[in-house]
């Protein structure tokens, strides 16, 4: 039973939250991706750019002049990273505020190609999955069991950050709901007051009209 439980924990530790994809982009096109990240969490973005070759009707490694401009904005819309990288690279940043982080990529220049199409391979890793445990084990001279325990501890820490982030989102949603309900209540009261005032004014106006016509 204990061996099965330990095996289950090891499987959990080996899971990856990274995702790999590729997309096509033109020379003036801009692609953005939204990643929800807890605070104080490391994010690593690996990418590789390929250039369309009309002769082979496929994609080939791009020339050194073609790179990608990468811009990262945090949940407060502040730029935390903005620079031009080569056609293949690895980008790393750490979030300081929880929430949605926007990662935008676009080609750095149009001088090297005209109307060409690029294929960008993208891989985003968040949290403990952004750590290279092979180099950690080699650097700190950890045994396999120590490395697995280190992975489990990092995973528990990441789960704690995720739970704190979910509580933060819940609290923010509650504040938004309470603010919306308060505004709806005050708007209803304002409408009621306006209707009562209009009714009172109409009654006074009709009364003065009838008195002027000597009907009352």
C-alpha atoms as a PDB file:
ATOM      1  CA  UNK A   1       0.000   0.000   0.000  1.00  0.00           C
ATOM      2  CA  UNK A   2       2.823   2.391   0.919  1.00  0.00           C
ATOM      3  CA  UNK A   3       4.687   1.499  -2.253  1.00  0.00           C
ATOM      4  CA  UNK A   4       1.588   2.255  -4.344  1.00  0.00           C
ATOM      5  CA  UNK A   5       1.128   5.593  -2.610  1.00  0.00           C
ATOM      6  CA  UNK A   6       4.794   6.478  -3.154  1.00  0.00           C
ATOM      7  CA  UNK A   7       4.503   5.515  -6.820  1.00  0.00           C
ATOM      8  CA  UNK A   8       1.443   7.738  -7.149  1.00  0.00           C
ATOM      9  CA  UNK A   9       3.345  10.678  -5.651  1.00  0.00           C
ATOM     10  CA  UNK A  10       6.243  10.091  -8.033  1.00  0.00           C
ATOM     11  CA  UNK A  11       3.853  10.092 -10.969  1.00  0.00           C
ATOM     12  CA  UNK A  12       2.405  13.376  -9.753  1.00  0.00           C
ATOM     13  CA  UNK A  13       5.871  14.820  -9.505  1.00  0.00           C
ATOM     14  CA  UNK A  14       6.669  13.820 -13.067  1.00  0.00           C
ATOM     15  CA  UNK A  15       3.603  15.492 -14.550  1.00  0.00           C
ATOM     16  CA  UNK A  16       4.214  18.581 -16.668  1.00  0.00           C
ATOM     17  CA  UNK A  17       2.084  21.711 -16.853  1.00  0.00           C
ATOM     18  CA  UNK A  18       3.954  22.853 -19.916  1.00  0.00           C
ATOM     19  CA  UNK A  19       2.297  22.948 -23.282  1.00  0.00           C
ATOM     20  CA  UNK A  20       3.851  22.927 -26.730  1.00  0.00           C
ATOM     21  CA  UNK A  21       2.359  24.375 -29.891  1.00  0.00           C
ATOM     22  CA  UNK A  22       3.251  26.132 -33.077  1.00  0.00           C
ATOM     23  CA  UNK A  23       1.558  28.931 -34.975  1.00  0.00           C
ATOM     24  CA  UNK A  24       2.024  30.778 -38.246  1.00  0.00           C
ATOM     25  CA  UNK A  25       2.710  34.476 -38.253  1.00  0.00           C
ATOM     26  CA  UNK A  26       3.184  37.071 -41.001  1.00  0.00           C
ATOM     27  CA  UNK A  27       5.846  39.786 -40.967  1.00  0.00           C
ATOM     28  CA  UNK A  28       3.554  42.444 -39.480  1.00  0.00           C
ATOM     29  CA  UNK A  29       1.366  40.143 -37.405  1.00  0.00           C
ATOM     30  CA  UNK A  30       1.328  40.017 -33.624  1.00  0.00           C
ATOM     31  CA  UNK A  31       0.403  36.979 -31.524  1.00  0.00           C
ATOM     32  CA  UNK A  32      -0.417  37.147 -27.814  1.00  0.00           C
ATOM     33  CA  UNK A  33      -0.977  34.423 -25.232  1.00  0.00           C
ATOM     34  CA  UNK A  34      -2.538  34.795 -21.798  1.00  0.00           C
ATOM     35  CA  UNK A  35      -1.130  32.765 -18.930  1.00  0.00           C
ATOM     36  CA  UNK A  36      -2.606  32.872 -15.415  1.00  0.00           C
ATOM     37  CA  UNK A  37       0.333  32.888 -13.035  1.00  0.00           C
ATOM     38  CA  UNK A  38       0.470  33.093  -9.216  1.00  0.00           C
ATOM     39  CA  UNK A  39       2.831  35.586  -7.625  1.00  0.00           C
ATOM     40  CA  UNK A  40       6.551  34.842  -7.277  1.00  0.00           C
ATOM     41  CA  UNK A  41       6.368  32.119  -9.907  1.00  0.00           C
ATOM     42  CA  UNK A  42       8.989  31.449 -12.563  1.00  0.00           C
ATOM     43  CA  UNK A  43       7.841  31.213 -16.188  1.00  0.00           C
ATOM     44  CA  UNK A  44      10.081  29.941 -18.978  1.00  0.00           C
ATOM     45  CA  UNK A  45       9.212  30.363 -22.658  1.00  0.00           C
ATOM     46  CA  UNK A  46      11.090  28.305 -25.245  1.00  0.00           C
ATOM     47  CA  UNK A  47      10.574  29.196 -28.896  1.00  0.00           C
ATOM     48  CA  UNK A  48      11.986  28.441 -32.327  1.00  0.00           C
ATOM     49  CA  UNK A  49      11.276  30.328 -35.568  1.00  0.00           C
ATOM     50  CA  UNK A  50      11.162  28.651 -38.977  1.00  0.00           C
ATOM     51  CA  UNK A  51      10.865  30.364 -42.359  1.00  0.00           C
ATOM     52  CA  UNK A  52       8.595  29.129 -45.153  1.00  0.00           C
ATOM     53  CA  UNK A  53      10.501  27.839 -48.201  1.00  0.00           C
ATOM     54  CA  UNK A  54       8.374  27.984 -51.388  1.00  0.00           C
ATOM     55  CA  UNK A  55      10.789  25.681 -53.246  1.00  0.00           C
ATOM     56  CA  UNK A  56      10.316  22.773 -50.869  1.00  0.00           C
ATOM     57  CA  UNK A  57       6.830  23.869 -49.789  1.00  0.00           C
ATOM     58  CA  UNK A  58       7.928  23.461 -46.189  1.00  0.00           C
ATOM     59  CA  UNK A  59       9.594  25.299 -43.349  1.00  0.00           C
ATOM     60  CA  UNK A  60      13.314  25.604 -42.806  1.00  0.00           C
ATOM     61  CA  UNK A  61      15.453  27.181 -40.048  1.00  0.00           C
ATOM     62  CA  UNK A  62      15.261  30.950 -40.371  1.00  0.00           C
ATOM     63  CA  UNK A  63      18.204  33.189 -41.169  1.00  0.00           C
ATOM     64  CA  UNK A  64      20.079  34.921 -38.330  1.00  0.00           C
ATOM     65  CA  UNK A  65      18.490  38.274 -39.268  1.00  0.00           C
ATOM     66  CA  UNK A  66      15.003  37.081 -38.400  1.00  0.00           C
ATOM     67  CA  UNK A  67      14.205  37.181 -34.732  1.00  0.00           C
ATOM     68  CA  UNK A  68      11.267  37.794 -32.442  1.00  0.00           C
ATOM     69  CA  UNK A  69      10.360  40.784 -30.360  1.00  0.00           C
ATOM     70  CA  UNK A  70       8.929  39.471 -27.089  1.00  0.00           C
ATOM     71  CA  UNK A  71       6.880  41.583 -24.699  1.00  0.00           C
ATOM     72  CA  UNK A  72       5.423  40.447 -21.381  1.00  0.00           C
ATOM     73  CA  UNK A  73       2.831  42.425 -19.419  1.00  0.00           C
ATOM     74  CA  UNK A  74       1.632  41.583 -15.921  1.00  0.00           C
ATOM     75  CA  UNK A  75      -1.896  41.749 -14.510  1.00  0.00           C
ATOM     76  CA  UNK A  76      -1.466  45.503 -13.854  1.00  0.00           C
ATOM     77  CA  UNK A  77      -0.610  46.026 -17.557  1.00  0.00           C
ATOM     78  CA  UNK A  78       2.991  46.867 -16.666  1.00  0.00           C
ATOM     79  CA  UNK A  79       5.737  45.763 -19.034  1.00  0.00           C
ATOM     80  CA  UNK A  80       8.072  43.408 -17.189  1.00  0.00           C
ATOM     81  CA  UNK A  81       9.998  42.246 -20.258  1.00  0.00           C
ATOM     82  CA  UNK A  82      10.446  43.752 -23.725  1.00  0.00           C
ATOM     83  CA  UNK A  83      13.372  42.965 -25.999  1.00  0.00           C
ATOM     84  CA  UNK A  84      14.385  41.425 -29.320  1.00  0.00           C
ATOM     85  CA  UNK A  85      15.645  37.851 -29.326  1.00  0.00           C
ATOM     86  CA  UNK A  86      17.168  35.681 -32.021  1.00  0.00           C
ATOM     87  CA  UNK A  87      15.308  33.131 -34.142  1.00  0.00           C
ATOM     88  CA  UNK A  88      15.581  30.559 -31.341  1.00  0.00           C
ATOM     89  CA  UNK A  89      15.747  31.248 -27.669  1.00  0.00           C
ATOM     90  CA  UNK A  90      14.713  30.761 -24.081  1.00  0.00           C
ATOM     91  CA  UNK A  91      12.970  33.520 -22.128  1.00  0.00           C
ATOM     92  CA  UNK A  92      12.604  33.543 -18.359  1.00  0.00           C
ATOM     93  CA  UNK A  93      10.755  35.899 -16.028  1.00  0.00           C
ATOM     94  CA  UNK A  94       9.289  35.834 -12.533  1.00  0.00           C
ATOM     95  CA  UNK A  95       5.825  37.124 -11.728  1.00  0.00           C
ATOM     96  CA  UNK A  96       5.550  39.615  -8.863  1.00  0.00           C
ATOM     97  CA  UNK A  97       1.773  40.048  -8.962  1.00  0.00           C
ATOM     98  CA  UNK A  98      -0.813  37.277  -9.364  1.00  0.00           C
ATOM     99  CA  UNK A  99      -3.109  37.266 -12.349  1.00  0.00           C
ATOM    100  CA  UNK A 100      -3.107  37.111 -16.120  1.00  0.00           C
ATOM    101  CA  UNK A 101       0.226  37.690 -17.825  1.00  0.00           C
ATOM    102  CA  UNK A 102       0.152  38.506 -21.541  1.00  0.00           C
ATOM    103  CA  UNK A 103       3.022  37.208 -23.676  1.00  0.00           C
ATOM    104  CA  UNK A 104       3.162  38.862 -27.127  1.00  0.00           C
ATOM    105  CA  UNK A 105       5.483  37.946 -29.987  1.00  0.00           C
ATOM    106  CA  UNK A 106       6.068  39.544 -33.387  1.00  0.00           C
ATOM    107  CA  UNK A 107       8.878  39.593 -35.939  1.00  0.00           C
ATOM    108  CA  UNK A 108      11.633  42.102 -35.343  1.00  0.00           C
ATOM    109  CA  UNK A 109      12.212  43.222 -38.929  1.00  0.00           C
ATOM    110  CA  UNK A 110      10.768  43.107 -42.441  1.00  0.00           C
ATOM    111  CA  UNK A 111      14.040  43.848 -44.211  1.00  0.00           C
ATOM    112  CA  UNK A 112      15.132  40.239 -44.487  1.00  0.00           C
ATOM    113  CA  UNK A 113      11.964  38.830 -46.013  1.00  0.00           C
ATOM    114  CA  UNK A 114       8.976  40.176 -47.912  1.00  0.00           C
ATOM    115  CA  UNK A 115       5.551  38.746 -47.275  1.00  0.00           C
ATOM    116  CA  UNK A 116       7.048  35.508 -45.995  1.00  0.00           C
ATOM    117  CA  UNK A 117       5.360  33.301 -43.476  1.00  0.00           C
ATOM    118  CA  UNK A 118       6.949  32.188 -40.240  1.00  0.00           C
ATOM    119  CA  UNK A 119       6.222  29.173 -38.121  1.00  0.00           C
ATOM    120  CA  UNK A 120       6.909  29.695 -34.416  1.00  0.00           C
ATOM    121  CA  UNK A 121       7.218  26.703 -32.113  1.00  0.00           C
ATOM    122  CA  UNK A 122       6.315  27.709 -28.568  1.00  0.00           C
ATOM    123  CA  UNK A 123       6.625  25.926 -25.240  1.00  0.00           C
ATOM    124  CA  UNK A 124       5.613  27.588 -21.951  1.00  0.00           C
ATOM    125  CA  UNK A 125       6.591  26.124 -18.582  1.00  0.00           C
ATOM    126  CA  UNK A 126       5.265  27.462 -15.286  1.00  0.00           C
ATOM    127  CA  UNK A 127       6.297  26.920 -11.701  1.00  0.00           C
ATOM    128  CA  UNK A 128       8.351  23.946 -10.623  1.00  0.00           C
ATOM    129  CA  UNK A 129       8.168  22.523 -14.146  1.00  0.00           C
ATOM    130  CA  UNK A 130      10.393  25.363 -15.284  1.00  0.00           C
ATOM    131  CA  UNK A 131      13.224  23.969 -13.124  1.00  0.00           C
ATOM    132  CA  UNK A 132      15.845  21.804 -14.787  1.00  0.00           C
ATOM    133  CA  UNK A 133      16.112  19.066 -12.171  1.00  0.00           C
ATOM    134  CA  UNK A 134      18.862  17.260 -14.066  1.00  0.00           C
ATOM    135  CA  UNK A 135      21.205  20.218 -13.652  1.00  0.00           C
ATOM    136  CA  UNK A 136      20.032  20.694 -10.037  1.00  0.00           C
ATOM    137  CA  UNK A 137      20.852  17.072  -9.221  1.00  0.00           C
ATOM    138  CA  UNK A 138      24.241  17.387 -10.870  1.00  0.00           C
ATOM    139  CA  UNK A 139      25.055  20.676  -9.184  1.00  0.00           C
ATOM    140  CA  UNK A 140      23.920  19.707  -5.687  1.00  0.00           C
ATOM    141  CA  UNK A 141      24.936  16.034  -6.076  1.00  0.00           C
ATOM    142  CA  UNK A 142      21.523  14.684  -5.123  1.00  0.00           C
ATOM    143  CA  UNK A 143      20.555  11.032  -5.186  1.00  0.00           C
ATOM    144  CA  UNK A 144      17.488   9.915  -7.111  1.00  0.00           C
ATOM    145  CA  UNK A 145      15.404   9.735  -3.913  1.00  0.00           C
ATOM    146  CA  UNK A 146      16.579  13.188  -2.795  1.00  0.00           C
ATOM    147  CA  UNK A 147      15.748  14.564  -6.220  1.00  0.00           C
ATOM    148  CA  UNK A 148      12.247  13.084  -6.088  1.00  0.00           C
ATOM    149  CA  UNK A 149      11.690  14.574  -2.633  1.00  0.00           C
ATOM    150  CA  UNK A 150      12.916  17.932  -3.932  1.00  0.00           C
ATOM    151  CA  UNK A 151      10.420  17.692  -6.799  1.00  0.00           C
ATOM    152  CA  UNK A 152       7.587  16.851  -4.409  1.00  0.00           C
ATOM    153  CA  UNK A 153       8.470  19.795  -2.144  1.00  0.00           C
ATOM    154  CA  UNK A 154       8.536  22.158  -5.113  1.00  0.00           C
ATOM    155  CA  UNK A 155       5.221  20.767  -6.292  1.00  0.00           C
ATOM    156  CA  UNK A 156       3.639  21.259  -2.856  1.00  0.00           C
ATOM    157  CA  UNK A 157       4.926  24.847  -2.829  1.00  0.00           C
ATOM    158  CA  UNK A 158       3.454  25.437  -6.281  1.00  0.00           C
ATOM    159  CA  UNK A 159       0.106  23.955  -5.211  1.00  0.00           C
ATOM    160  CA  UNK A 160       0.105  26.350  -2.230  1.00  0.00           C
ATOM    161  CA  UNK A 161       0.717  29.278  -4.578  1.00  0.00           C
ATOM    162  CA  UNK A 162      -2.087  28.097  -6.844  1.00  0.00           C
ATOM    163  CA  UNK A 163      -4.481  27.840  -3.890  1.00  0.00           C
ATOM    164  CA  UNK A 164      -3.523  31.341  -2.733  1.00  0.00           C
ATOM    165  CA  UNK A 165      -4.119  32.612  -6.245  1.00  0.00           C
ATOM    166  CA  UNK A 166      -7.542  30.967  -6.396  1.00  0.00           C
ATOM    167  CA  UNK A 167      -8.424  32.602  -3.062  1.00  0.00           C
ATOM    168  CA  UNK A 168      -7.241  35.930  -4.470  1.00  0.00           C
ATOM    169  CA  UNK A 169      -9.464  35.474  -7.539  1.00  0.00           C
ATOM    170  CA  UNK A 170     -12.394  34.493  -5.327  1.00  0.00           C
ATOM    171  CA  UNK A 171     -11.925  37.565  -3.146  1.00  0.00           C
ATOM    172  CA  UNK A 172     -11.660  39.840  -6.183  1.00  0.00           C
ATOM    173  CA  UNK A 173     -14.809  38.331  -7.699  1.00  0.00           C
ATOM    174  CA  UNK A 174     -16.651  38.803  -4.396  1.00  0.00           C
ATOM    175  CA  UNK A 175     -15.637  42.470  -4.260  1.00  0.00           C
ATOM    176  CA  UNK A 176     -16.802  42.932  -7.854  1.00  0.00           C
ATOM    177  CA  UNK A 177     -20.156  41.280  -7.092  1.00  0.00           C
ATOM    178  CA  UNK A 178     -20.680  43.379  -3.969  1.00  0.00           C
ATOM    179  CA  UNK A 179     -19.788  46.561  -5.852  1.00  0.00           C
ATOM    180  CA  UNK A 180     -22.188  45.659  -8.676  1.00  0.00           C
ATOM    181  CA  UNK A 181     -25.006  44.867  -6.241  1.00  0.00           C
ATOM    182  CA  UNK A 182     -24.416  48.162  -4.415  1.00  0.00           C
ATOM    183  CA  UNK A 183     -24.546  50.130  -7.665  1.00  0.00           C
ATOM    184  CA  UNK A 184     -27.750  48.366  -8.737  1.00  0.00           C
ATOM    185  CA  UNK A 185     -29.335  49.168  -5.350  1.00  0.00           C
ATOM    186  CA  UNK A 186     -28.401  52.859  -5.489  1.00  0.00           C
ATOM    187  CA  UNK A 187     -29.560  53.079  -9.113  1.00  0.00           C
ATOM    188  CA  UNK A 188     -32.943  51.596  -8.152  1.00  0.00           C
ATOM    189  CA  UNK A 189     -33.287  54.053  -5.259  1.00  0.00           C
ATOM    190  CA  UNK A 190     -32.394  56.954  -7.570  1.00  0.00           C
ATOM    191  CA  UNK A 191     -35.007  55.819 -10.098  1.00  0.00           C
ATOM    192  CA  UNK A 192     -37.632  55.557  -7.335  1.00  0.00           C
ATOM    193  CA  UNK A 193     -36.826  59.059  -6.048  1.00  0.00           C
ATOM    194  CA  UNK A 194     -37.012  60.513  -9.564  1.00  0.00           C
ATOM    195  CA  UNK A 195     -40.390  58.830 -10.204  1.00  0.00           C
ATOM    196  CA  UNK A 196     -41.809  60.096  -6.877  1.00  0.00           C
ATOM    197  CA  UNK A 197     -40.591  63.633  -7.606  1.00  0.00           C
ATOM    198  CA  UNK A 198     -42.090  63.549 -11.094  1.00  0.00           C
ATOM    199  CA  UNK A 199     -45.412  62.296  -9.727  1.00  0.00           C
ATOM    200  CA  UNK A 200     -45.445  64.998  -7.068  1.00  0.00           C
ATOM    201  CA  UNK A 201     -44.623  67.680  -9.656  1.00  0.00           C
ATOM    202  CA  UNK A 202     -47.353  66.416 -12.028  1.00  0.00           C
ATOM    203  CA  UNK A 203     -49.951  66.480  -9.219  1.00  0.00           C
ATOM    204  CA  UNK A 204     -48.982  70.063  -8.326  1.00  0.00           C
ATOM    205  CA  UNK A 205     -49.060  71.086 -11.959  1.00  0.00           C
ATOM    206  CA  UNK A 206     -52.491  69.535 -12.552  1.00  0.00           C
ATOM    207  CA  UNK A 207     -53.859  71.117  -9.377  1.00  0.00           C
ATOM    208  CA  UNK A 208     -52.656  74.588 -10.388  1.00  0.00           C
ATOM    209  CA  UNK A 209     -54.053  74.040 -13.876  1.00  0.00           C
ATOM    210  CA  UNK A 210     -57.490  73.138 -12.564  1.00  0.00           C
ATOM    211  CA  UNK A 211     -57.421  76.050 -10.115  1.00  0.00           C
ATOM    212  CA  UNK A 212     -56.565  78.412 -12.991  1.00  0.00           C
ATOM    213  CA  UNK A 213     -59.484  77.080 -14.986  1.00  0.00           C
ATOM    214  CA  UNK A 214     -61.700  77.385 -11.874  1.00  0.00           C
ATOM    215  CA  UNK A 215     -62.545  73.700 -12.045  1.00  0.00           C
ATOM    216  CA  UNK A 216     -61.620  73.092  -8.436  1.00  0.00           C
END
